[in-house]
Protein backbone atom coordinates (compact mmCIF):
# COMPACT_ATOMS: atom_id res chain seq x y z
CA MET A 1 0.00 0.00 0.00
CA GLU A 2 1.26 3.46 -0.86
CA ALA A 3 1.70 6.19 1.74
CA VAL A 4 0.76 9.61 0.33
CA VAL A 5 1.91 13.06 1.40
CA GLU A 6 0.62 16.28 -0.16
CA VAL A 7 2.16 19.67 0.67
CA THR A 8 1.44 23.17 -0.58
CA ASP A 9 4.54 25.22 0.20
CA LEU A 10 8.24 25.07 -0.68
CA ASP A 11 9.52 24.50 2.86
CA ALA A 12 7.30 21.45 3.32
CA ALA A 13 8.31 20.11 -0.11
CA HIS A 14 11.95 20.56 0.89
CA GLU A 15 11.36 18.49 4.03
CA VAL A 16 9.65 15.70 2.07
CA LEU A 17 12.42 15.45 -0.54
CA THR A 18 15.23 15.68 2.02
CA THR A 19 13.67 12.90 4.10
CA ALA A 20 13.12 10.68 1.05
CA TYR A 21 16.41 11.11 -0.83
CA ALA A 22 19.24 13.28 0.48
CA LYS A 23 19.91 16.44 2.47
CA LEU A 24 19.16 19.34 0.12
CA ARG A 25 19.98 23.04 0.35
CA PHE A 26 17.64 25.06 -1.85
CA SER A 27 19.35 27.98 -3.58
CA SER A 28 16.14 29.11 -5.28
CA GLY A 29 12.56 27.97 -5.59
CA ASP A 30 8.95 28.91 -6.19
CA ARG A 31 7.34 29.83 -2.89
CA GLY A 32 3.93 28.76 -4.16
CA SER A 33 5.10 25.21 -4.90
CA SER A 34 2.95 22.15 -4.28
CA LEU A 35 4.05 18.51 -4.24
CA ARG A 36 2.34 15.13 -4.09
CA PHE A 37 4.60 12.29 -2.93
CA ALA A 38 3.38 8.67 -2.86
CA SER A 39 5.61 5.81 -1.75
CA GLY A 40 5.32 2.03 -1.40
CA ALA A 41 7.82 -0.73 -0.70
CA LEU A 42 8.29 -4.07 -2.44
CA GLY A 43 10.65 -5.74 -0.01
CA PRO A 44 13.98 -3.83 -0.11
CA VAL A 45 12.91 -1.77 -3.14
CA ARG A 46 10.94 1.47 -2.80
CA PHE A 47 8.64 2.89 -5.47
CA ASP A 48 7.90 6.63 -5.34
CA ARG A 49 5.63 8.84 -7.43
CA LEU A 50 6.20 12.59 -7.51
CA SER A 51 4.02 15.23 -9.11
CA GLY A 52 3.07 18.84 -8.59
CA HIS A 53 3.65 22.44 -9.46
CA ILE A 54 7.16 22.99 -8.13
CA GLY A 55 10.43 24.47 -9.26
CA PHE A 56 13.75 24.71 -7.44
CA GLU A 57 17.54 24.61 -7.67
CA ALA A 58 19.43 22.80 -4.92
CA THR A 59 22.76 21.41 -3.77
CA GLY A 60 22.63 17.90 -2.36
CA GLU A 61 24.85 15.90 -0.07
CA PRO A 62 25.87 12.40 -1.26
CA MET A 63 23.03 9.90 -1.32
CA GLY A 64 23.28 6.48 0.26
CA GLU A 65 21.09 4.67 -2.28
CA TYR A 66 20.63 4.24 -6.01
CA ILE A 67 17.71 6.32 -7.26
CA PHE A 68 16.50 5.43 -10.75
CA GLY A 69 13.53 7.04 -12.42
CA HIS A 70 11.35 7.63 -15.44
CA LEU A 71 9.97 11.07 -16.21
CA THR A 72 6.48 11.49 -17.64
CA SER A 73 6.39 15.29 -17.88
CA GLY A 74 8.27 18.37 -16.72
CA ARG A 75 12.04 18.48 -16.56
CA ILE A 76 14.87 17.45 -14.25
CA ARG A 77 18.55 18.38 -14.23
CA TYR A 78 21.42 16.82 -12.29
CA SER A 79 25.07 17.86 -12.13
CA SER A 80 27.83 15.74 -10.58
CA ASP A 81 31.54 15.22 -11.24
CA GLY A 82 31.52 18.18 -13.61
CA GLU A 83 28.83 16.69 -15.87
CA ASP A 84 25.37 18.14 -16.48
CA ARG A 85 22.52 15.76 -17.25
CA PHE A 86 19.13 16.92 -18.49
CA VAL A 87 16.20 14.50 -18.34
CA SER A 88 13.36 14.94 -20.82
CA PRO A 89 9.84 13.46 -20.67
CA GLY A 90 9.82 9.80 -21.67
CA GLU A 91 13.39 9.14 -20.52
CA VAL A 92 14.62 6.73 -17.85
CA PHE A 93 17.68 7.59 -15.80
CA LEU A 94 19.90 7.06 -12.77
CA THR A 95 20.10 10.28 -10.75
CA VAL A 96 23.54 10.29 -9.12
CA PRO A 97 25.43 7.19 -7.91
CA PRO A 98 25.75 6.90 -4.12
CA GLY A 99 28.54 8.79 -2.43
CA ARG A 100 28.75 11.75 -4.81
CA PRO A 101 27.69 15.33 -4.08
CA PHE A 102 25.45 16.93 -6.68
CA THR A 103 23.32 19.87 -7.70
CA ALA A 104 19.80 19.43 -9.05
CA GLY A 105 16.91 21.37 -10.43
CA THR A 106 13.40 20.58 -11.53
CA ARG A 107 10.30 22.19 -12.96
CA ASP A 108 6.81 20.68 -12.55
CA PRO A 109 7.95 17.04 -12.68
CA ARG A 110 5.71 14.03 -12.91
CA ALA A 111 8.02 11.11 -12.28
CA SER A 112 8.33 7.64 -10.82
CA MET A 113 11.45 6.84 -8.80
CA ILE A 114 12.83 3.43 -7.83
CA VAL A 115 15.15 3.32 -4.83
CA PHE A 116 17.42 0.52 -3.56
CA THR A 117 20.80 0.12 -1.87
CA GLN A 118 24.09 -1.37 -3.00
CA ALA A 119 23.39 -4.29 -0.66
CA VAL A 120 20.35 -5.19 -2.78
CA VAL A 121 22.55 -5.16 -5.89
CA ASP A 122 25.12 -7.36 -4.13
CA ASP A 123 22.43 -9.95 -3.45
CA VAL A 124 22.06 -10.36 -7.22
CA ALA A 125 25.57 -9.61 -8.52
CA ASP A 126 28.31 -9.19 -5.94
CA GLY A 127 31.06 -6.72 -6.81
CA VAL A 128 29.07 -4.78 -9.42
CA ARG A 129 28.61 -1.01 -9.48
CA PHE A 130 26.53 1.11 -11.84
CA ALA A 131 28.81 3.20 -14.02
CA ALA A 132 26.58 5.55 -16.03
CA CYS A 133 23.25 7.32 -15.71
CA ARG A 134 21.76 6.64 -19.15
CA PRO A 135 20.34 3.28 -20.32
CA LEU A 136 22.26 1.17 -22.81
CA SER A 137 19.55 1.77 -25.42
CA SER A 138 16.10 3.28 -25.74
CA ARG A 139 14.64 -0.22 -26.17
CA ALA A 140 16.27 -1.41 -22.95
CA GLY A 141 14.99 1.68 -21.17
CA ALA A 142 11.44 1.12 -22.41
CA ALA A 143 11.49 -2.51 -21.25
CA TRP A 144 12.82 -1.45 -17.83
CA LYS A 145 10.08 1.16 -17.46
CA SER A 146 7.38 -1.36 -18.43
CA MET A 147 8.66 -3.82 -15.85
CA CYS A 148 8.73 -1.13 -13.14
CA VAL A 149 5.14 -0.11 -13.90
CA HIS A 150 4.03 -3.75 -13.70
CA LEU A 151 5.72 -4.28 -10.33
CA GLN A 152 4.39 -1.03 -8.89
CA ASP A 153 0.83 -1.19 -10.20
CA GLU A 154 0.13 -4.93 -10.24
CA VAL A 155 2.54 -6.94 -8.11
CA LEU A 156 2.85 -4.57 -5.14
CA PRO A 157 -0.92 -4.13 -4.51
CA THR A 158 -1.72 -7.83 -5.06
CA PHE A 159 1.24 -9.73 -3.60
CA GLY A 160 2.77 -7.25 -1.15
CA ASP A 161 2.25 -9.71 1.72
CA ASN A 162 3.74 -12.75 -0.07
CA PRO A 163 7.45 -12.85 0.88
CA LEU A 164 8.58 -15.16 -1.94
CA VAL A 165 6.81 -13.14 -4.65
CA VAL A 166 8.17 -9.90 -3.18
CA ALA A 167 11.71 -11.26 -3.02
CA ASN A 168 11.58 -12.60 -6.57
CA ALA A 169 10.13 -9.33 -7.86
CA ALA A 170 12.86 -7.30 -6.16
CA ARG A 171 15.58 -9.48 -7.69
CA LEU A 172 13.91 -9.28 -11.09
CA LEU A 173 13.98 -5.50 -10.82
CA VAL A 174 17.68 -5.43 -9.94
CA SER A 175 18.57 -7.95 -12.66
CA THR A 176 16.64 -5.94 -15.25
CA THR A 177 18.29 -2.74 -14.05
CA LEU A 178 21.71 -4.36 -14.46
CA ALA A 179 20.75 -5.32 -18.00
CA THR A 180 19.51 -1.78 -18.71
CA PHE A 181 22.16 0.53 -17.26
CA PRO A 182 25.96 0.34 -17.76
CA HIS A 183 27.84 -1.20 -14.85
CA ILE A 184 31.30 -2.42 -13.98
CA ALA A 185 32.44 -5.56 -12.17
CA LEU A 186 35.40 -5.61 -9.83
CA ASP A 187 38.27 -8.02 -10.43
CA ASP A 188 37.21 -11.54 -9.36
CA THR A 189 40.65 -13.13 -8.99
CA ALA A 190 40.40 -13.30 -5.21
CA TRP A 191 37.11 -15.25 -5.38
CA ARG A 192 38.16 -18.00 -7.76
CA ARG A 193 39.92 -20.11 -5.13
CA ASP A 194 36.57 -20.69 -3.35
CA ALA A 195 34.64 -21.70 -6.48
CA HIS A 196 35.03 -25.45 -5.90
CA PRO A 197 32.55 -28.38 -5.78
CA GLN A 198 32.28 -28.36 -1.98
CA THR A 199 30.94 -24.82 -2.17
CA VAL A 200 28.17 -26.04 -4.50
CA LYS A 201 27.41 -29.02 -2.26
CA ARG A 202 26.94 -26.85 0.83
CA ALA A 203 24.85 -24.35 -1.12
CA ILE A 204 22.54 -27.00 -2.57
CA ALA A 205 21.90 -28.52 0.86
CA PHE A 206 20.89 -25.10 2.17
CA ILE A 207 18.69 -24.31 -0.85
CA GLU A 208 16.80 -27.59 -0.63
CA ALA A 209 16.21 -27.14 3.10
CA LYS A 210 15.10 -23.50 2.89
CA ALA A 211 13.39 -23.24 -0.50
CA ALA A 212 10.03 -22.33 1.06
CA LYS A 213 11.54 -19.28 2.77
CA ASP A 214 12.68 -15.94 1.38
CA ILE A 215 16.39 -16.65 0.95
CA THR A 216 18.85 -14.47 -0.93
CA ALA A 217 22.14 -15.09 -2.68
CA ALA A 218 23.78 -13.62 0.41
CA ASP A 219 22.03 -16.20 2.63
CA ILE A 220 23.18 -19.04 0.36
CA ALA A 221 26.76 -17.69 0.28
CA ARG A 222 26.86 -17.50 4.09
CA ALA A 223 25.63 -21.11 4.32
CA ALA A 224 28.31 -22.16 1.82
CA ARG A 225 30.92 -20.11 3.76
CA VAL A 226 32.07 -18.11 0.73
CA SER A 227 31.45 -14.69 -0.82
CA ILE A 228 28.50 -14.15 -3.14
CA ARG A 229 30.86 -13.79 -6.10
CA ALA A 230 32.62 -17.08 -5.26
CA LEU A 231 29.22 -18.77 -4.99
CA GLN A 232 28.18 -17.46 -8.40
CA LEU A 233 31.45 -18.58 -9.97
CA ALA A 234 31.14 -22.05 -8.40
CA PHE A 235 27.62 -22.58 -9.76
CA ARG A 236 28.60 -21.29 -13.18
CA ARG A 237 31.72 -23.46 -13.30
CA HIS A 238 30.24 -26.73 -12.01
CA LEU A 239 26.51 -26.55 -12.89
CA ASP A 240 26.44 -23.94 -15.68
CA THR A 241 23.73 -22.00 -13.87
CA THR A 242 23.32 -19.41 -11.12
CA PRO A 243 22.39 -20.00 -7.47
CA MET A 244 19.07 -18.18 -7.84
CA LYS A 245 18.16 -20.06 -11.01
CA TYR A 246 18.95 -23.31 -9.22
CA LEU A 247 16.70 -22.17 -6.35
CA ARG A 248 13.93 -21.47 -8.84
CA GLY A 249 14.25 -25.02 -10.15
CA VAL A 250 13.97 -26.46 -6.64
CA ARG A 251 10.88 -24.35 -5.95
CA LEU A 252 9.43 -25.49 -9.25
CA SER A 253 9.88 -29.10 -8.15
CA PHE A 254 7.98 -28.39 -4.93
CA ALA A 255 5.24 -26.71 -6.96
CA HIS A 256 5.13 -29.84 -9.13
CA ALA A 257 4.62 -31.93 -6.01
CA ASP A 258 1.80 -29.62 -4.88
CA LEU A 259 0.11 -29.92 -8.26
CA ARG A 260 0.34 -33.73 -8.18
CA ALA A 261 -1.16 -33.67 -4.69
CA ALA A 262 -3.88 -31.24 -5.85
CA ASN A 263 -2.79 -28.95 -3.02
CA GLY A 264 -4.58 -25.79 -4.24
CA THR A 265 -5.31 -24.03 -7.50
CA VAL A 266 -2.64 -23.30 -10.10
CA THR A 267 -2.66 -19.61 -9.16
CA ALA A 268 -2.37 -20.36 -5.44
CA ILE A 269 0.46 -22.84 -5.95
CA ALA A 270 2.28 -20.42 -8.25
CA ALA A 271 2.09 -17.66 -5.64
CA ARG A 272 3.12 -20.05 -2.85
CA TRP A 273 6.38 -20.72 -4.69
CA GLY A 274 7.14 -17.15 -5.66
CA TYR A 275 5.36 -16.51 -8.95
CA ALA A 276 3.24 -13.36 -9.25
CA ARG A 277 2.29 -14.21 -12.83
CA PRO A 278 0.66 -17.61 -13.40
CA SER A 279 1.63 -17.29 -17.09
CA VAL A 280 5.33 -17.12 -16.19
CA PHE A 281 4.90 -20.07 -13.82
CA ALA A 282 3.18 -22.02 -16.60
CA ALA A 283 5.99 -21.26 -19.06
CA HIS A 284 8.70 -22.36 -16.62
CA TYR A 285 6.69 -25.42 -15.63
CA ARG A 286 6.08 -26.50 -19.22
CA THR A 287 9.81 -26.17 -19.98
CA ALA A 288 10.68 -28.34 -17.00
CA TYR A 289 7.91 -30.95 -17.18
CA GLY A 290 6.63 -30.92 -20.74
CA ARG A 291 3.02 -30.08 -19.90
CA SER A 292 1.02 -27.29 -18.34
CA PRO A 293 0.39 -26.99 -14.60
CA SER A 294 -3.36 -27.29 -15.19
CA GLN A 295 -2.85 -30.63 -16.98
CA THR A 296 -0.91 -31.99 -14.00
CA LEU A 297 -3.56 -30.74 -11.61
CA ARG A 298 -6.44 -32.25 -13.64
CA PHE A 299 -4.66 -35.58 -13.91
CA SER A 300 -4.15 -35.60 -10.13
CA SER A 301 -7.75 -34.70 -9.22
């Protein structure tokens, strides 16, 4: 559920934005500004909507989180590291990477913002940092925006209390963001020594025991007693997959068992094992078992 704040003066808007993003010092602004700020969380990812009649110029202290966005109308400007970036309606963007001071300005924006920390990125791809604020292509940016809208408007209101769906949706968002925006990976030489079969064995035992719970790549790495990057390298080297994809396969096998036992509807079983979209569950299930979930359920009834 979204929390909504509406303010009708510049000082109150300043307080809302400073609380949500970073400490700002306004150098100029429209005293008659108004702002509507709505925010909802999908696990460790926050979705914000901003709109209103507002204009300001500000200096900001370094932010502690990644703040991505897509602008529907109005305009936004950011400056950091000597580079000016102007965002036009229809564009998707990363504001300023964490840890960097910046200046910013806006005029009557209508925008959606997606906020998450480096720790959330590390759960998906350890040792990776975003390196640029523009998407790799307009097509990639459009796909990212569509996915964000789906998560915010459909998954969050419907499955916000389902921990597996929420966790999977958050990781999907980060994975799609990594595929959309340029990023760099740190040197992985130090992790290669831990990418051995025993790492995989410990990880698999943990995954099979905890598949029904919301577990992350970080949880699996801790159980395997290695870094996330070493875990990823071990799975790629010995199983030609990723830890989270392996986890998905295990959950799919439990869903298969539920279908054979007629333990609920297809939609309920899909949600129980982390799928917000029954169509995606059906596609994965058909690939794994050669028939649809509904066929298995009918045969078992």
